[in-house]
Amino acid sequence: MPRAATLTLCMLALAPALSQAESGVARRAAEARAAGIAAAYGYRPAATSMTPAAHAAPVAAAQSPAPNGPAAAPAGTAPGAANAMLAVVPAAAAASMPAASAAGKAVPPAPQCKGNIYLTFDTGSQAQAALIAETLQKYHIKASFFLANEKTVNGDYSLDPAWAPYWKARLAEGHVIGSHTFDHDVLVRDGADGKLDTKPGFGASAGKVRSLTPEQYCEQIRRVDQRFTELTGSHLDPVWRAPAGRTSPRALAAARSCGYTHVGWSPAGFSGDELPSEKASNASLLAKSLRELRAGDVVLIHMGIWSRKDAWAPANLEPLIKGLSQKGYCFATLRDHPDYSSSFKHP
């Protein structure tokens, strides 16, 4: 029997062991047997990368990354030990392998996630709204949005009818959408007589401290849902984020009374996109995020900051996604976060 054919049969005999030995001693033993057979027939393995990073690297322009996960290797590429086996089979012998060996039992497993990162976006100037949507679509990532009725670079407000198509599209893509209070009411302090003193960023009382009863505070949260329903025909998810992240037990209780769970962000999840560019460059903020973010972290990003000279998202959003994917992280909505999952209605 020709050497190539003999080698092919040997490699096929080892295929089950190689495909089933995913890690540890079993895989090393299987690889050693494959390498030994190859050496006996005078073949040397082709240079291949066996590092996890190779499977998490961004895909080429013609490929799309796996939904909500690290970028996948090109279709048909066998991972790990299977690559080692195929590398030692000469081209002529490999071409003679039955199709079943490629399309049968040895289906490459999906890349394993080190854990989920939760990207969240608060409304702002909306200068980066289109870019954020396009980037999430490009990488098939589902995220979470928190909406307030904020003035935009278009001269309108983020919950005006002109924004209905944008929010309908995000809803159709499966993102979580919660409240950020209608007037972007920043909590100043717990007031007298059980009230909450807030300072709204927009609306008739913009820039002035006002006292709200717990019911009125709750109405600020629910008013976003009312407008969102008018725009899209659907209700918000039962989560909210306090403007500036400022809360108190009284404010949290008021929100719970009308069915909303508060979601802040992780210490490492502060993107820094609202800091002055002169003091916090995009490069330094990106490096910090990639260095510090871990599985389970909730990341805070704005859809545009009026005061920042060098916008964060155009420079950092895509590199952040690529960098975290290369580290083996996946992306998910707050619907899948263990701390908030119980707040959502699951089918």
Protein backbone atom coordinates (compact mmCIF):
# COMPACT_ATOMS: atom_id res chain seq x y z
CA MET A 1 0.00 0.00 0.00
CA PRO A 2 1.40 3.48 -0.82
CA ARG A 3 2.88 5.38 2.12
CA ALA A 4 0.36 8.23 1.74
CA ALA A 5 -2.63 5.90 1.81
CA THR A 6 -1.23 3.95 4.78
CA LEU A 7 -0.67 7.19 6.67
CA THR A 8 -4.18 8.35 5.85
CA LEU A 9 -5.70 5.19 7.28
CA CYS A 10 -3.61 5.55 10.43
CA MET A 11 -4.66 9.15 10.87
CA LEU A 12 -8.32 8.26 10.36
CA ALA A 13 -8.01 5.53 12.96
CA LEU A 14 -6.78 8.12 15.44
CA ALA A 15 -9.40 10.72 14.52
CA PRO A 16 -11.96 9.67 17.18
CA ALA A 17 -9.34 9.84 19.92
CA LEU A 18 -8.15 13.21 18.75
CA SER A 19 -11.62 14.72 18.41
CA GLN A 20 -12.79 13.39 21.80
CA ALA A 21 -9.64 14.23 23.77
CA GLU A 22 -10.39 17.89 24.28
CA SER A 23 -7.84 18.61 26.98
CA GLY A 24 -5.31 17.20 29.40
CA VAL A 25 -3.38 13.98 29.33
CA ALA A 26 -5.72 12.24 26.88
CA ARG A 27 -5.29 14.89 24.22
CA ARG A 28 -1.50 15.01 24.64
CA ALA A 29 -1.34 11.23 24.32
CA ALA A 30 -3.45 11.25 21.18
CA GLU A 31 -1.36 14.02 19.64
CA ALA A 32 1.82 12.12 20.48
CA ARG A 33 0.53 9.00 18.72
CA ALA A 34 -0.35 11.08 15.65
CA ALA A 35 3.05 12.74 15.67
CA GLY A 36 4.79 9.38 16.06
CA ILE A 37 3.02 7.90 13.05
CA ALA A 38 3.83 10.97 11.01
CA ALA A 39 7.49 10.77 11.94
CA ALA A 40 7.61 7.09 11.03
CA TYR A 41 6.42 7.98 7.53
CA GLY A 42 8.79 10.90 7.20
CA TYR A 43 6.26 13.72 7.49
CA ARG A 44 6.60 16.76 9.69
CA PRO A 45 3.61 18.76 11.03
CA ALA A 46 2.93 22.07 9.36
CA ALA A 47 3.44 25.15 11.53
CA THR A 48 0.13 25.88 13.23
CA SER A 49 -0.94 27.97 16.19
CA MET A 50 -2.48 26.01 19.05
CA THR A 51 -2.97 28.96 21.39
CA PRO A 52 -6.45 29.95 22.59
CA ALA A 53 -5.86 33.42 21.13
CA ALA A 54 -5.79 31.89 17.67
CA HIS A 55 -9.41 30.85 18.07
CA ALA A 56 -10.48 34.17 19.61
CA ALA A 57 -8.79 36.48 17.11
CA PRO A 58 -11.01 38.81 15.05
CA VAL A 59 -12.22 37.27 11.84
CA ALA A 60 -11.31 38.51 8.41
CA ALA A 61 -13.52 40.98 6.59
CA ALA A 62 -15.31 38.18 4.76
CA GLN A 63 -16.27 36.49 8.06
CA SER A 64 -18.66 37.54 10.84
CA PRO A 65 -17.94 36.73 14.50
CA ALA A 66 -20.13 34.28 16.36
CA PRO A 67 -23.18 35.95 17.93
CA ASN A 68 -22.30 37.49 21.30
CA GLY A 69 -19.04 35.62 21.53
CA PRO A 70 -15.35 35.69 20.70
CA ALA A 71 -14.58 35.87 17.01
CA ALA A 72 -14.48 32.36 15.54
CA ALA A 73 -11.90 30.66 13.35
CA PRO A 74 -12.83 30.46 9.65
CA ALA A 75 -15.52 27.94 8.84
CA GLY A 76 -14.18 24.41 8.43
CA THR A 77 -11.04 24.95 10.50
CA ALA A 78 -10.61 22.07 12.93
CA PRO A 79 -9.46 23.20 16.40
CA GLY A 80 -6.75 21.83 18.65
CA ALA A 81 -5.67 18.27 18.18
CA ALA A 82 -7.67 17.84 14.97
CA ASN A 83 -5.50 20.52 13.35
CA ALA A 84 -2.40 18.64 14.42
CA MET A 85 -3.68 15.47 12.80
CA LEU A 86 -4.65 17.14 9.53
CA ALA A 87 -1.36 19.01 9.34
CA VAL A 88 0.67 15.80 9.02
CA VAL A 89 -1.42 14.26 6.25
CA PRO A 90 0.01 15.02 2.79
CA ALA A 91 -2.26 16.97 0.47
CA ALA A 92 -2.77 14.03 -1.89
CA ALA A 93 -3.77 11.71 0.94
CA ALA A 94 -6.00 14.30 2.59
CA ALA A 95 -7.85 14.81 -0.68
CA SER A 96 -8.66 11.09 -0.75
CA MET A 97 -10.32 11.12 2.71
CA PRO A 98 -14.03 10.24 2.70
CA ALA A 99 -16.31 13.29 2.99
CA ALA A 100 -17.87 11.77 6.11
CA SER A 101 -14.63 12.39 8.03
CA ALA A 102 -15.08 16.15 7.60
CA ALA A 103 -18.86 16.38 7.69
CA GLY A 104 -19.62 13.57 10.14
CA LYS A 105 -18.97 13.25 13.83
CA ALA A 106 -15.94 15.55 14.19
CA VAL A 107 -17.81 18.90 14.13
CA PRO A 108 -15.58 21.65 15.55
CA PRO A 109 -16.93 22.86 18.90
CA ALA A 110 -17.92 26.51 19.38
CA PRO A 111 -15.28 28.68 21.07
CA GLN A 112 -15.52 28.56 24.83
CA CYS A 113 -16.32 31.81 26.67
CA LYS A 114 -14.22 32.86 29.60
CA GLY A 115 -17.30 34.71 30.78
CA ASN A 116 -19.71 37.47 29.79
CA ILE A 117 -19.10 41.21 29.65
CA TYR A 118 -22.24 43.38 29.72
CA LEU A 119 -22.07 46.49 27.53
CA THR A 120 -24.59 49.17 28.53
CA PHE A 121 -25.33 52.50 26.85
CA ASP A 122 -26.94 55.59 28.38
CA THR A 123 -28.54 58.22 26.17
CA GLY A 124 -26.63 61.48 25.78
CA SER A 125 -26.03 63.86 22.90
CA GLN A 126 -26.69 60.85 20.61
CA ALA A 127 -23.73 61.90 18.45
CA GLN A 128 -22.51 58.28 18.44
CA ALA A 129 -25.93 56.60 18.26
CA ALA A 130 -25.53 55.41 14.66
CA LEU A 131 -21.95 54.24 15.18
CA ILE A 132 -22.92 52.26 18.27
CA ALA A 133 -25.76 50.53 16.42
CA GLU A 134 -23.55 49.69 13.43
CA THR A 135 -20.75 48.32 15.62
CA LEU A 136 -23.06 46.09 17.64
CA GLN A 137 -24.60 44.80 14.40
CA LYS A 138 -21.17 44.14 12.90
CA TYR A 139 -20.12 41.94 15.81
CA HIS A 140 -23.58 40.46 16.46
CA ILE A 141 -23.56 41.78 20.03
CA LYS A 142 -26.63 42.34 22.15
CA ALA A 143 -26.31 45.07 24.75
CA SER A 144 -28.47 47.10 27.14
CA PHE A 145 -29.67 50.70 26.75
CA PHE A 146 -30.98 53.19 29.32
CA LEU A 147 -33.13 56.01 27.97
CA ALA A 148 -33.83 59.56 29.11
CA ASN A 149 -35.39 62.33 27.03
CA GLU A 150 -32.11 64.16 26.38
CA LYS A 151 -31.34 66.90 23.89
CA THR A 152 -29.44 65.58 20.89
CA VAL A 153 -27.03 66.95 18.31
CA ASN A 154 -29.95 67.00 15.88
CA GLY A 155 -31.65 69.70 17.92
CA ASP A 156 -34.44 67.37 19.04
CA TYR A 157 -34.77 64.99 22.01
CA SER A 158 -33.90 61.32 22.22
CA LEU A 159 -37.51 60.29 22.85
CA ASP A 160 -39.03 62.48 20.15
CA PRO A 161 -40.97 60.75 17.33
CA ALA A 162 -37.97 61.18 15.00
CA TRP A 163 -36.12 58.59 17.13
CA ALA A 164 -38.86 55.97 16.85
CA PRO A 165 -37.16 54.06 13.97
CA TYR A 166 -33.89 53.92 15.89
CA TRP A 167 -35.45 52.51 19.04
CA LYS A 168 -37.66 50.10 17.10
CA ALA A 169 -34.56 48.72 15.39
CA ARG A 170 -32.72 48.21 18.69
CA LEU A 171 -35.79 46.49 20.10
CA ALA A 172 -35.98 44.17 17.08
CA GLU A 173 -32.31 43.26 17.52
CA GLY A 174 -32.98 41.91 20.99
CA HIS A 175 -31.27 44.52 23.15
CA VAL A 176 -32.47 45.23 26.67
CA ILE A 177 -33.94 48.73 26.98
CA GLY A 178 -34.56 50.35 30.37
CA SER A 179 -35.31 53.73 31.94
CA HIS A 180 -32.84 56.49 32.81
CA THR A 181 -35.64 58.76 34.16
CA PHE A 182 -37.47 61.00 31.72
CA ASP A 183 -35.82 64.32 32.64
CA HIS A 184 -32.48 62.78 33.64
CA ASP A 185 -33.21 63.49 37.31
CA VAL A 186 -29.97 63.34 39.30
CA LEU A 187 -30.57 62.57 42.97
CA VAL A 188 -29.18 65.33 45.17
CA ARG A 189 -30.23 63.96 48.57
CA ASP A 190 -33.06 62.40 50.50
CA GLY A 191 -35.32 65.35 51.30
CA ALA A 192 -37.63 66.20 54.15
CA ASP A 193 -40.90 64.41 54.76
CA GLY A 194 -39.87 61.31 52.86
CA LYS A 195 -39.25 63.20 49.62
CA LEU A 196 -36.35 63.00 47.18
CA ASP A 197 -34.49 66.14 46.11
CA THR A 198 -33.41 65.86 42.48
CA LYS A 199 -31.85 68.08 39.83
CA PRO A 200 -33.21 67.35 36.34
CA GLY A 201 -31.04 67.93 33.30
CA PHE A 202 -33.97 68.56 30.98
CA GLY A 203 -37.60 69.61 31.07
CA ALA A 204 -39.32 72.61 32.62
CA SER A 205 -37.23 72.42 35.82
CA ALA A 206 -33.87 71.76 34.15
CA GLY A 207 -30.95 72.79 36.35
CA LYS A 208 -33.11 73.46 39.42
CA VAL A 209 -33.39 71.33 42.55
CA ARG A 210 -36.91 70.05 43.08
CA SER A 211 -38.50 67.81 45.71
CA LEU A 212 -40.38 64.73 44.51
CA THR A 213 -42.49 62.31 46.47
CA PRO A 214 -41.57 58.64 46.00
CA GLU A 215 -44.60 58.38 43.71
CA GLN A 216 -43.43 61.34 41.61
CA TYR A 217 -39.93 59.89 41.43
CA CYS A 218 -41.40 56.61 40.28
CA GLU A 219 -43.40 58.52 37.66
CA GLN A 220 -40.13 59.91 36.27
CA ILE A 221 -38.98 56.32 35.70
CA ARG A 222 -42.31 55.14 34.27
CA ARG A 223 -42.71 58.15 32.00
CA VAL A 224 -39.91 56.78 29.81
CA ASP A 225 -41.90 53.57 29.41
CA GLN A 226 -45.00 55.51 28.46
CA ARG A 227 -43.16 57.43 25.75
CA PHE A 228 -41.28 54.34 24.57
CA THR A 229 -44.57 52.47 24.18
CA GLU A 230 -45.95 55.34 22.10
CA LEU A 231 -42.88 55.21 19.86
CA THR A 232 -42.46 51.45 19.48
CA GLY A 233 -45.60 49.69 20.64
CA SER A 234 -43.56 47.81 23.27
CA HIS A 235 -42.81 48.34 26.94
CA LEU A 236 -39.39 48.83 28.47
CA ASP A 237 -37.62 46.06 30.31
CA PRO A 238 -38.04 46.30 34.11
CA VAL A 239 -34.63 47.86 34.79
CA TRP A 240 -33.48 51.44 35.31
CA ARG A 241 -30.27 53.34 35.92
CA ALA A 242 -30.15 56.42 38.10
CA PRO A 243 -28.56 59.42 36.34
CA ALA A 244 -24.95 59.81 37.52
CA GLY A 245 -25.48 56.52 39.35
CA ARG A 246 -26.73 58.42 42.40
CA THR A 247 -29.17 56.41 44.50
CA SER A 248 -30.36 56.04 48.08
CA PRO A 249 -32.37 53.36 49.85
CA ARG A 250 -35.39 55.64 49.50
CA ALA A 251 -34.91 56.09 45.75
CA LEU A 252 -34.35 52.38 45.21
CA ALA A 253 -37.48 51.55 47.20
CA ALA A 254 -39.51 54.04 45.15
CA ALA A 255 -38.33 52.38 41.93
CA ARG A 256 -39.06 48.88 43.23
CA SER A 257 -42.58 49.95 44.15
CA CYS A 258 -43.31 50.50 40.46
CA GLY A 259 -41.50 47.38 39.27
CA TYR A 260 -37.98 48.53 38.36
CA THR A 261 -34.65 47.05 39.43
CA HIS A 262 -31.66 49.38 39.52
CA VAL A 263 -28.55 48.57 37.49
CA GLY A 264 -25.34 50.47 38.10
CA TRP A 265 -21.95 49.58 36.65
CA SER A 266 -18.82 47.80 37.79
CA PRO A 267 -15.80 49.78 39.05
CA ALA A 268 -13.78 48.46 36.12
CA GLY A 269 -16.75 49.13 33.84
CA PHE A 270 -16.50 52.92 34.02
CA SER A 271 -15.38 53.69 30.46
CA GLY A 272 -14.37 57.24 31.35
CA ASP A 273 -16.06 58.61 28.25
CA GLU A 274 -17.41 61.59 30.22
CA LEU A 275 -13.99 62.68 31.49
CA PRO A 276 -12.12 65.58 29.85
CA SER A 277 -10.06 64.41 26.88
CA GLU A 278 -7.10 66.46 28.12
CA LYS A 279 -6.94 64.43 31.33
CA ALA A 280 -8.06 61.03 30.05
CA SER A 281 -7.05 60.17 26.49
CA ASN A 282 -8.95 57.53 24.54
CA ALA A 283 -5.82 55.38 24.38
CA SER A 284 -5.34 55.41 28.15
CA LEU A 285 -9.03 54.69 28.79
CA LEU A 286 -9.01 51.75 26.37
CA ALA A 287 -5.86 50.29 27.91
CA LYS A 288 -7.39 50.56 31.39
CA SER A 289 -10.60 48.81 30.33
CA LEU A 290 -8.77 45.97 28.60
CA ARG A 291 -6.51 45.56 31.61
CA GLU A 292 -9.15 45.61 34.32
CA LEU A 293 -12.42 44.21 32.92
CA ARG A 294 -13.35 40.72 34.07
CA ALA A 295 -16.24 38.30 33.54
CA GLY A 296 -19.50 39.61 34.96
CA ASP A 297 -18.55 43.29 34.70
CA VAL A 298 -21.14 45.84 33.56
CA VAL A 299 -19.64 48.54 31.32
CA LEU A 300 -21.00 52.10 31.23
CA ILE A 301 -20.82 53.91 27.87
CA HIS A 302 -22.68 57.02 26.76
CA MET A 303 -24.21 57.61 23.36
CA GLY A 304 -22.47 60.95 23.16
CA ILE A 305 -21.03 63.41 25.68
CA TRP A 306 -21.37 67.10 24.94
CA SER A 307 -18.32 68.17 26.95
CA ARG A 308 -15.75 65.65 25.69
CA LYS A 309 -13.56 66.95 22.87
CA ASP A 310 -12.35 63.57 21.55
CA ALA A 311 -15.35 61.27 21.50
CA TRP A 312 -14.76 57.89 23.13
CA ALA A 313 -16.89 55.57 20.98
CA PRO A 314 -15.40 56.27 17.52
CA ALA A 315 -11.92 55.55 18.84
CA ASN A 316 -12.56 52.86 21.44
CA LEU A 317 -15.76 50.86 21.01
CA GLU A 318 -14.61 48.51 18.27
CA PRO A 319 -11.08 48.05 19.72
CA LEU A 320 -12.66 47.28 23.10
CA ILE A 321 -14.88 44.60 21.57
CA LYS A 322 -11.98 43.08 19.64
CA GLY A 323 -9.65 43.17 22.62
CA LEU A 324 -12.13 41.52 24.97
CA SER A 325 -12.99 38.91 22.33
CA GLN A 326 -9.31 38.07 21.95
CA LYS A 327 -9.18 37.48 25.69
CA GLY A 328 -11.99 34.96 25.36
CA TYR A 329 -14.88 37.04 26.67
CA CYS A 330 -18.40 36.99 25.26
CA PHE A 331 -21.08 39.68 25.41
CA ALA A 332 -24.63 39.49 26.71
CA THR A 333 -27.54 41.64 27.85
CA LEU A 334 -28.53 42.23 31.45
CA ARG A 335 -31.26 39.66 30.86
CA ASP A 336 -28.52 37.05 31.26
CA HIS A 337 -26.68 38.67 34.16
CA PRO A 338 -26.98 36.50 37.31
CA ASP A 339 -27.68 39.57 39.48
CA TYR A 340 -30.56 40.82 37.32
CA SER A 341 -31.93 37.82 35.44
CA SER A 342 -34.69 37.23 37.98
CA SER A 343 -36.09 40.72 37.29
CA PHE A 344 -36.99 39.75 33.73
CA LYS A 345 -39.98 37.72 32.64
CA HIS A 346 -38.71 34.57 30.98
CA PRO A 347 -40.85 32.46 28.64
